[in-house]
Protein backbone atom coordinates (compact mmCIF):
# COMPACT_ATOMS: atom_id res chain seq x y z
CA MET A 1 74.00 101.88 121.27
CA TYR A 2 71.85 104.09 123.45
CA ARG A 3 69.54 106.75 122.08
CA MET A 4 69.58 110.28 123.43
CA ARG A 5 66.30 112.17 123.53
CA TRP A 6 67.54 114.63 120.90
CA ASP A 7 68.48 111.89 118.40
CA GLY A 8 65.31 112.56 116.48
CA GLN A 9 66.21 116.18 115.98
CA SER A 10 67.82 117.53 112.85
CA VAL A 11 71.40 116.37 112.51
CA ARG A 12 73.90 118.17 110.28
CA VAL A 13 75.60 115.48 108.20
CA ASP A 14 79.00 116.28 106.71
CA ASP A 15 78.71 117.43 103.12
CA GLY A 16 82.39 117.44 102.29
CA ALA A 17 82.95 120.93 103.68
CA LEU A 18 85.09 119.56 106.51
CA PRO A 19 87.79 117.48 104.79
CA GLY A 20 89.89 117.39 107.95
CA LEU A 21 87.09 115.59 109.75
CA GLN A 22 86.51 113.30 106.80
CA ARG A 23 90.02 111.97 107.38
CA MET A 24 89.04 111.12 110.94
CA GLY A 25 85.96 109.11 109.98
CA LEU A 26 83.16 111.61 110.57
CA VAL A 27 79.81 109.96 111.32
CA ARG A 28 77.68 113.01 112.04
CA SER A 29 77.73 116.52 113.51
CA VAL A 30 75.25 117.31 116.27
CA CYS A 31 73.98 120.48 117.94
CA THR A 32 71.83 120.17 121.06
CA PRO A 33 69.96 122.73 123.20
CA GLN A 34 71.77 121.51 126.32
CA PHE A 35 75.11 122.59 124.84
CA ASP A 36 74.20 125.88 123.23
CA GLY A 37 76.82 127.15 120.82
CA ILE A 38 78.78 123.88 120.69
CA THR A 39 78.80 121.42 117.80
CA PHE A 40 79.85 117.84 118.48
CA HIS A 41 81.49 116.05 115.55
CA GLU A 42 81.19 112.33 116.19
CA VAL A 43 83.96 110.31 114.58
CA LEU A 44 85.11 106.69 114.52
CA CYS A 45 88.78 106.59 115.42
CA LYS A 46 91.16 103.95 114.07
CA SER A 47 93.41 104.00 117.13
CA ALA A 48 93.04 105.06 120.75
CA LEU A 49 96.56 104.74 122.13
CA ASN A 50 98.71 107.57 120.84
CA LYS A 51 102.43 106.90 120.94
CA VAL A 52 104.45 109.92 122.02
CA PRO A 53 107.45 110.65 119.79
CA GLY A 54 110.71 109.73 121.47
CA ALA A 55 112.17 113.14 120.66
CA SER A 56 109.62 114.78 122.97
CA MET A 57 111.54 113.53 126.03
CA LEU A 58 108.34 113.12 128.03
CA PRO A 59 108.14 110.71 130.99
CA PHE A 60 105.41 108.62 129.35
CA ARG A 61 105.07 107.00 125.94
CA TYR A 62 101.31 106.72 125.47
CA THR A 63 98.27 108.96 125.74
CA VAL A 64 94.54 108.58 125.17
CA ASN A 65 92.40 111.55 124.15
CA GLY A 66 88.68 111.02 123.68
CA TYR A 67 88.10 114.59 122.51
CA ARG A 68 89.68 117.21 120.28
CA GLY A 69 88.78 120.83 120.87
CA CYS A 70 87.64 121.97 124.31
CA SER A 71 84.72 124.00 125.59
CA HIS A 72 86.81 125.20 128.54
CA ALA A 73 87.86 127.95 126.10
CA CYS A 74 91.03 128.87 128.01
CA ARG A 75 92.60 131.82 126.21
CA TYR A 76 96.10 130.40 126.62
CA CYS A 77 95.51 126.72 125.77
CA PHE A 78 98.62 125.26 124.15
CA ALA A 79 96.54 122.66 122.26
CA ARG A 80 94.76 125.23 120.09
CA PRO A 81 97.01 124.77 117.03
CA THR A 82 96.07 121.06 116.87
CA HIS A 83 92.62 122.05 115.61
CA GLU A 84 94.13 123.47 112.44
CA TYR A 85 94.88 119.93 111.25
CA LEU A 86 91.11 119.46 111.06
CA GLU A 87 90.80 122.66 109.01
CA PHE A 88 89.18 124.49 111.91
CA ASP A 89 90.61 127.69 113.31
CA SER A 90 92.47 127.63 116.61
CA GLY A 91 90.30 130.33 118.16
CA THR A 92 86.51 130.15 118.34
CA ASP A 93 86.38 126.81 116.48
CA PHE A 94 88.64 125.19 119.08
CA ASP A 95 86.18 126.28 121.79
CA THR A 96 82.97 125.33 119.98
CA GLN A 97 83.73 122.55 117.44
CA VAL A 98 84.44 119.50 119.61
CA VAL A 99 85.45 116.22 118.01
CA VAL A 100 84.25 113.12 119.89
CA LYS A 101 85.82 109.71 119.31
CA THR A 102 82.67 107.76 120.04
CA ASN A 103 84.26 104.32 119.64
CA VAL A 104 87.41 105.10 121.63
CA VAL A 105 86.65 102.59 124.41
CA ALA A 106 86.16 99.62 122.06
CA VAL A 107 89.29 100.51 120.10
CA LEU A 108 91.30 100.94 123.31
CA GLN A 109 90.17 97.57 124.63
CA ARG A 110 91.30 95.94 121.41
CA GLU A 111 94.70 97.65 121.50
CA LEU A 112 95.29 96.80 125.16
CA ALA A 113 94.57 93.13 124.42
CA ARG A 114 97.43 92.85 121.93
CA PRO A 115 100.30 90.58 123.00
CA SER A 116 102.69 93.43 122.17
CA TRP A 117 101.16 95.76 124.78
CA THR A 118 103.62 96.06 127.70
CA ARG A 119 101.39 97.85 130.23
CA GLU A 120 103.17 101.18 130.08
CA THR A 121 101.83 104.28 131.78
CA VAL A 122 99.08 106.06 129.86
CA ALA A 123 98.47 109.79 130.33
CA LEU A 124 94.93 111.18 130.09
CA GLY A 125 94.40 114.91 129.62
CA THR A 126 97.56 115.71 127.70
CA ASN A 127 95.84 117.52 124.84
CA THR A 128 92.30 118.59 125.72
CA ASP A 129 90.49 118.04 128.99
CA PRO A 130 88.96 114.57 129.39
CA TYR A 131 86.37 116.00 131.80
CA GLN A 132 85.20 118.95 129.71
CA ARG A 133 81.45 119.45 129.28
CA ALA A 134 81.23 116.96 126.40
CA GLU A 135 82.04 114.16 128.84
CA GLY A 136 78.70 114.78 130.54
CA ARG A 137 76.99 113.75 127.31
CA TYR A 138 79.26 111.03 125.98
CA ALA A 139 80.69 109.47 129.19
CA LEU A 140 83.83 108.09 127.55
CA MET A 141 86.04 108.17 130.63
CA PRO A 142 84.50 105.34 132.70
CA GLY A 143 85.10 102.89 129.88
CA ILE A 144 88.63 104.20 129.31
CA LEU A 145 89.48 103.90 133.01
CA ARG A 146 88.05 100.39 133.29
CA ALA A 147 89.91 99.25 130.18
CA LEU A 148 93.25 100.56 131.47
CA ALA A 149 92.83 99.10 134.94
CA ALA A 150 91.71 95.71 133.60
CA SER A 151 94.77 95.58 131.35
CA GLY A 152 97.16 96.35 134.21
CA ALA A 153 98.20 99.71 132.73
CA PRO A 154 99.08 102.53 135.16
CA PHE A 155 97.52 105.85 134.26
CA SER A 156 97.45 109.53 135.14
CA ILE A 157 94.65 112.07 134.85
CA LEU A 158 95.01 115.83 134.44
CA THR A 159 91.84 117.95 134.45
CA LYS A 160 90.12 121.19 135.34
CA GLY A 161 86.72 119.51 135.19
CA THR A 162 84.65 118.88 138.31
CA LEU A 163 82.90 116.07 136.43
CA LEU A 164 85.85 114.02 137.72
CA ARG A 165 83.79 113.64 140.94
CA ARG A 166 81.50 111.23 139.12
CA ASP A 167 84.35 108.80 138.51
CA LEU A 168 86.18 109.04 141.85
CA PRO A 169 84.83 105.69 143.13
CA LEU A 170 85.95 104.05 139.89
CA ILE A 171 89.37 105.72 140.05
CA ALA A 172 89.85 104.68 143.69
CA GLU A 173 88.92 101.13 142.74
CA ALA A 174 91.40 101.18 139.86
CA ALA A 175 94.10 102.41 142.24
CA GLN A 176 93.84 99.07 144.03
CA LEU A 177 94.97 97.37 140.82
CA VAL A 178 97.39 99.79 139.14
CA SER A 179 99.30 102.96 139.89
CA VAL A 180 96.98 105.95 139.48
CA ASN A 181 97.92 109.64 139.64
CA VAL A 182 95.39 112.47 139.74
CA SER A 183 96.36 116.09 139.02
CA LEU A 184 94.09 119.12 138.87
CA SER A 185 94.83 122.42 137.16
CA LEU A 186 94.16 125.62 139.09
CA ALA A 187 96.16 128.75 138.27
CA ILE A 188 93.72 131.63 138.83
CA GLY A 189 92.17 132.36 142.20
CA ASP A 190 90.33 135.58 141.34
CA PRO A 191 86.77 134.77 140.16
CA GLU A 192 86.51 137.76 137.80
CA LEU A 193 89.82 137.09 136.07
CA HIS A 194 88.94 133.39 135.92
CA ARG A 195 85.72 134.15 134.03
CA ALA A 196 87.66 136.27 131.55
CA VAL A 197 90.56 133.88 130.91
CA GLU A 198 88.95 130.44 131.40
CA PRO A 199 85.27 131.15 130.67
CA GLY A 200 84.19 127.54 130.20
CA THR A 201 85.86 126.02 133.26
CA PRO A 202 84.49 125.38 136.75
CA SER A 203 85.13 128.19 139.22
CA PRO A 204 88.25 128.29 141.41
CA GLN A 205 86.09 127.49 144.45
CA ALA A 206 84.58 124.47 142.70
CA ARG A 207 88.03 123.13 141.85
CA LEU A 208 89.22 123.65 145.43
CA GLY A 209 86.26 121.52 146.47
CA LEU A 210 87.31 118.92 143.92
CA ILE A 211 90.79 118.75 145.47
CA SER A 212 89.15 117.91 148.78
CA ALA A 213 86.92 115.31 147.14
CA VAL A 214 89.93 113.60 145.55
CA ARG A 215 91.64 113.43 148.92
CA GLU A 216 88.49 112.12 150.60
CA ALA A 217 88.45 109.33 148.02
CA GLY A 218 91.83 108.22 149.38
CA LEU A 219 93.88 109.54 146.47
CA ASP A 220 96.79 111.96 146.37
CA CYS A 221 96.05 115.18 144.51
CA HIS A 222 98.74 117.20 142.78
CA VAL A 223 97.84 120.69 141.54
CA MET A 224 99.22 122.37 138.44
CA VAL A 225 99.39 126.09 139.20
CA ALA A 226 99.96 126.77 135.56
CA PRO A 227 100.15 128.91 133.68
CA VAL A 228 101.04 131.85 135.88
CA LEU A 229 100.14 134.97 133.87
CA PRO A 230 102.76 137.73 134.03
CA ARG A 231 101.43 140.95 135.62
CA LEU A 232 98.02 139.31 136.13
CA THR A 233 98.47 136.42 138.58
CA ASP A 234 102.13 136.56 139.60
CA SER A 235 102.22 139.01 142.51
CA PRO A 236 103.47 137.65 145.86
CA GLU A 237 100.04 138.30 147.37
CA GLN A 238 98.18 136.46 144.62
CA LEU A 239 100.49 133.45 144.71
CA ASP A 240 100.42 133.32 148.51
CA ASP A 241 96.62 133.41 148.60
CA LEU A 242 96.20 130.74 145.93
CA LEU A 243 98.78 128.33 147.34
CA ARG A 244 97.33 128.74 150.83
CA ARG A 245 93.86 127.85 149.59
CA ILE A 246 95.20 124.90 147.62
CA ALA A 247 96.97 123.62 150.74
CA GLU A 248 93.87 124.07 152.87
CA ALA A 249 91.90 122.02 150.36
CA GLY A 250 94.30 119.14 150.95
CA ALA A 251 96.58 119.09 147.90
CA THR A 252 99.71 116.95 148.27
CA GLY A 253 101.95 119.03 146.00
CA VAL A 254 102.07 121.69 143.31
CA THR A 255 103.86 122.43 140.07
CA VAL A 256 104.19 126.09 139.14
CA PHE A 257 105.31 127.59 135.85
CA GLY A 258 104.67 130.65 133.73
CA LEU A 259 102.69 131.18 130.56
CA HIS A 260 103.97 129.83 127.23
CA LEU A 261 102.62 131.25 123.98
CA ARG A 262 103.31 128.96 121.06
CA GLY A 263 102.00 129.06 117.52
CA SER A 264 98.53 130.44 116.93
CA THR A 265 97.81 130.39 120.67
CA ARG A 266 99.97 133.49 120.92
CA GLY A 267 97.78 135.52 118.57
CA TRP A 268 94.56 134.37 120.22
CA PHE A 269 95.81 135.27 123.71
CA MET A 270 97.23 138.61 122.60
CA GLN A 271 93.92 139.56 120.98
CA TRP A 272 92.22 138.98 124.32
CA LEU A 273 94.94 140.93 126.15
CA GLN A 274 94.53 143.88 123.76
CA ARG A 275 90.79 143.97 124.47
CA SER A 276 90.93 143.38 128.22
CA HIS A 277 94.29 144.75 129.39
CA PRO A 278 95.74 146.98 126.66
CA GLU A 279 98.12 148.51 129.20
CA LEU A 280 99.96 145.15 129.38
CA VAL A 281 100.43 144.55 125.66
CA SER A 282 103.83 146.21 125.43
CA ASP A 283 105.04 144.32 128.52
CA TYR A 284 104.03 141.00 126.98
CA ARG A 285 105.64 141.83 123.67
CA GLN A 286 108.84 142.55 125.52
CA LEU A 287 108.62 139.38 127.65
CA TYR A 288 107.95 137.15 124.62
CA ARG A 289 110.11 139.02 122.12
CA ARG A 290 112.42 136.02 121.65
CA GLY A 291 109.77 133.33 121.29
CA ALA A 292 107.16 131.28 123.10
CA TYR A 293 108.81 131.06 126.51
CA LEU A 294 109.40 133.55 129.27
CA PRO A 295 112.98 134.79 129.61
CA GLN A 296 115.26 133.17 132.16
CA ASP A 297 115.26 136.18 134.48
CA TYR A 298 111.46 136.02 134.78
CA ARG A 299 111.54 132.29 135.45
CA ASP A 300 114.20 132.80 138.09
CA MET A 301 112.08 135.50 139.70
CA LEU A 302 109.00 133.26 139.74
CA ARG A 303 110.97 130.37 141.21
CA THR A 304 112.38 132.58 143.96
CA ARG A 305 108.94 133.97 144.72
CA VAL A 306 107.17 130.62 144.84
CA ALA A 307 109.71 128.34 146.54
CA PRO A 308 109.23 129.66 150.10
CA LEU A 309 105.45 129.56 149.69
CA VAL A 310 105.57 125.93 148.57
CA ALA A 311 107.65 125.11 151.65
CA ARG A 312 105.46 127.19 153.99
CA TYR A 313 102.28 125.41 152.95
CA GLY A 314 103.77 121.91 152.80
CA LEU A 315 103.15 121.50 149.07
CA THR A 316 106.45 119.79 148.40
CA GLY A 317 105.10 116.48 147.11
CA ARG A 318 106.66 115.60 143.78
CA ALA A 319 104.54 115.77 140.69
CA PRO A 320 103.36 112.44 139.29
CA MET A 321 105.70 111.98 136.36
CA ALA A 322 103.06 111.37 133.72
CA SER A 323 100.88 114.29 134.78
CA ALA A 324 103.80 116.66 135.13
CA GLY A 325 105.05 115.73 131.72
CA ALA A 326 101.64 116.18 130.20
CA VAL A 327 101.68 119.83 131.06
CA SER A 328 105.39 120.47 130.80
CA SER A 329 105.45 119.15 127.27
CA GLU A 330 105.32 122.84 126.42
CA VAL A 331 108.44 123.72 128.35
CA ALA A 332 112.11 123.02 128.61
CA ALA A 333 113.54 120.74 131.29
CA PRO A 334 112.33 121.46 134.83
CA ALA A 335 114.64 123.48 137.05
CA HIS A 336 113.03 122.20 140.28
CA PRO A 337 110.69 119.32 141.17
CA THR A 338 107.80 121.76 141.63
CA LEU A 339 108.84 124.76 139.58
CA PHE A 340 109.27 125.01 135.83
C-alpha cells in the first residue's frame, strides 16, 4: 500500500451519517488540495464484475466500474440517479462525492480466476467515466486492464477522459492478446457550450487530439456523438462541423443519438436549461412531454440530417458492440448501425 503525501492530513472518517456508503464498506473519506471541492470516499468492494440483467438486452453481460459519481459533471449524465442509492443527491453530490473502490483490482483478479469464468466481454465506462480525474490519483485502470487481458477476457472502454493516453501502450499490448474496443464520447464542438454543459471534461480540442492518439497507437477509435442536444447542438452546420473534425482526427466510425432525460437527471438538466437558456424551456417540455425519450419525428429528423454527413466523412464503421451498448442502454433498439 503506497502512501500519498497528503495521507498525514486530516481525514474525515465516516460517523454513521452516510449509511449508503456504510453498506459499501466505507474505509475513509478524503479531501485533498489537488482536487478542490471533491471528496473521495474510499470503499472496499465485495465484487468487481457486475452482471448485467438479462432483461436489459445489452450486447454484453459484465461490466467493471471502479468509481461511482463523476467529476465530469455533465448536466445530462444518465447515471446521476444511481447516486441516490448511496443517499447522496443526484445533482451536486454526484459531481463532487466520488466513491472509489480501492480494492477493485484484487477482487477482479480473484473473480477472473474462478473456474466458472467464461471469458466474456467486459465493458468499462458503462456507468461513470473510468478516466475521470479521480483516476489520476488512484490509477485503478492499469490493474483492471492487465487483469482482463491476462484472463483472456475481451473488453471495451468508453471515456471522455484524456487520461486514457497514459494507458494507450498497455491497451495496445492487451489488444495483441484479446479483442479490445476503444470508444470516445464527443458531442459538443463549441468550447463555450462545452464549458457550460460538461464543465469537468477535457475540451473538445483535447478529445480530438485523443482520437488521433488512439489511432497512432494502432487502435480503431469509435466516437459517440451523444447526446445531441435539441436546439443547442443539432443544426446541420453544427453537426457537419463536428463530424468533419472527428473524421479529420482519424475516427473510424460514429454513433449519433439525441438526449434522453430519465429520472432525476431530467430535473437537474432542466434547472440548468432554465438558468442558461430559458427561451428553450417550453420547447424541451414539449419534446419530452411523453417521457424520457425524444419523439419519433425528432429522431427521424436527426437520422435524416446525420446520415449523409456520416457517409460524406467516411465514418461508417460499426460501433463496437460492447461500447455501443454501454451508451445505448438508455435507449430503445437502434434504428441504424450508427444512429439511435
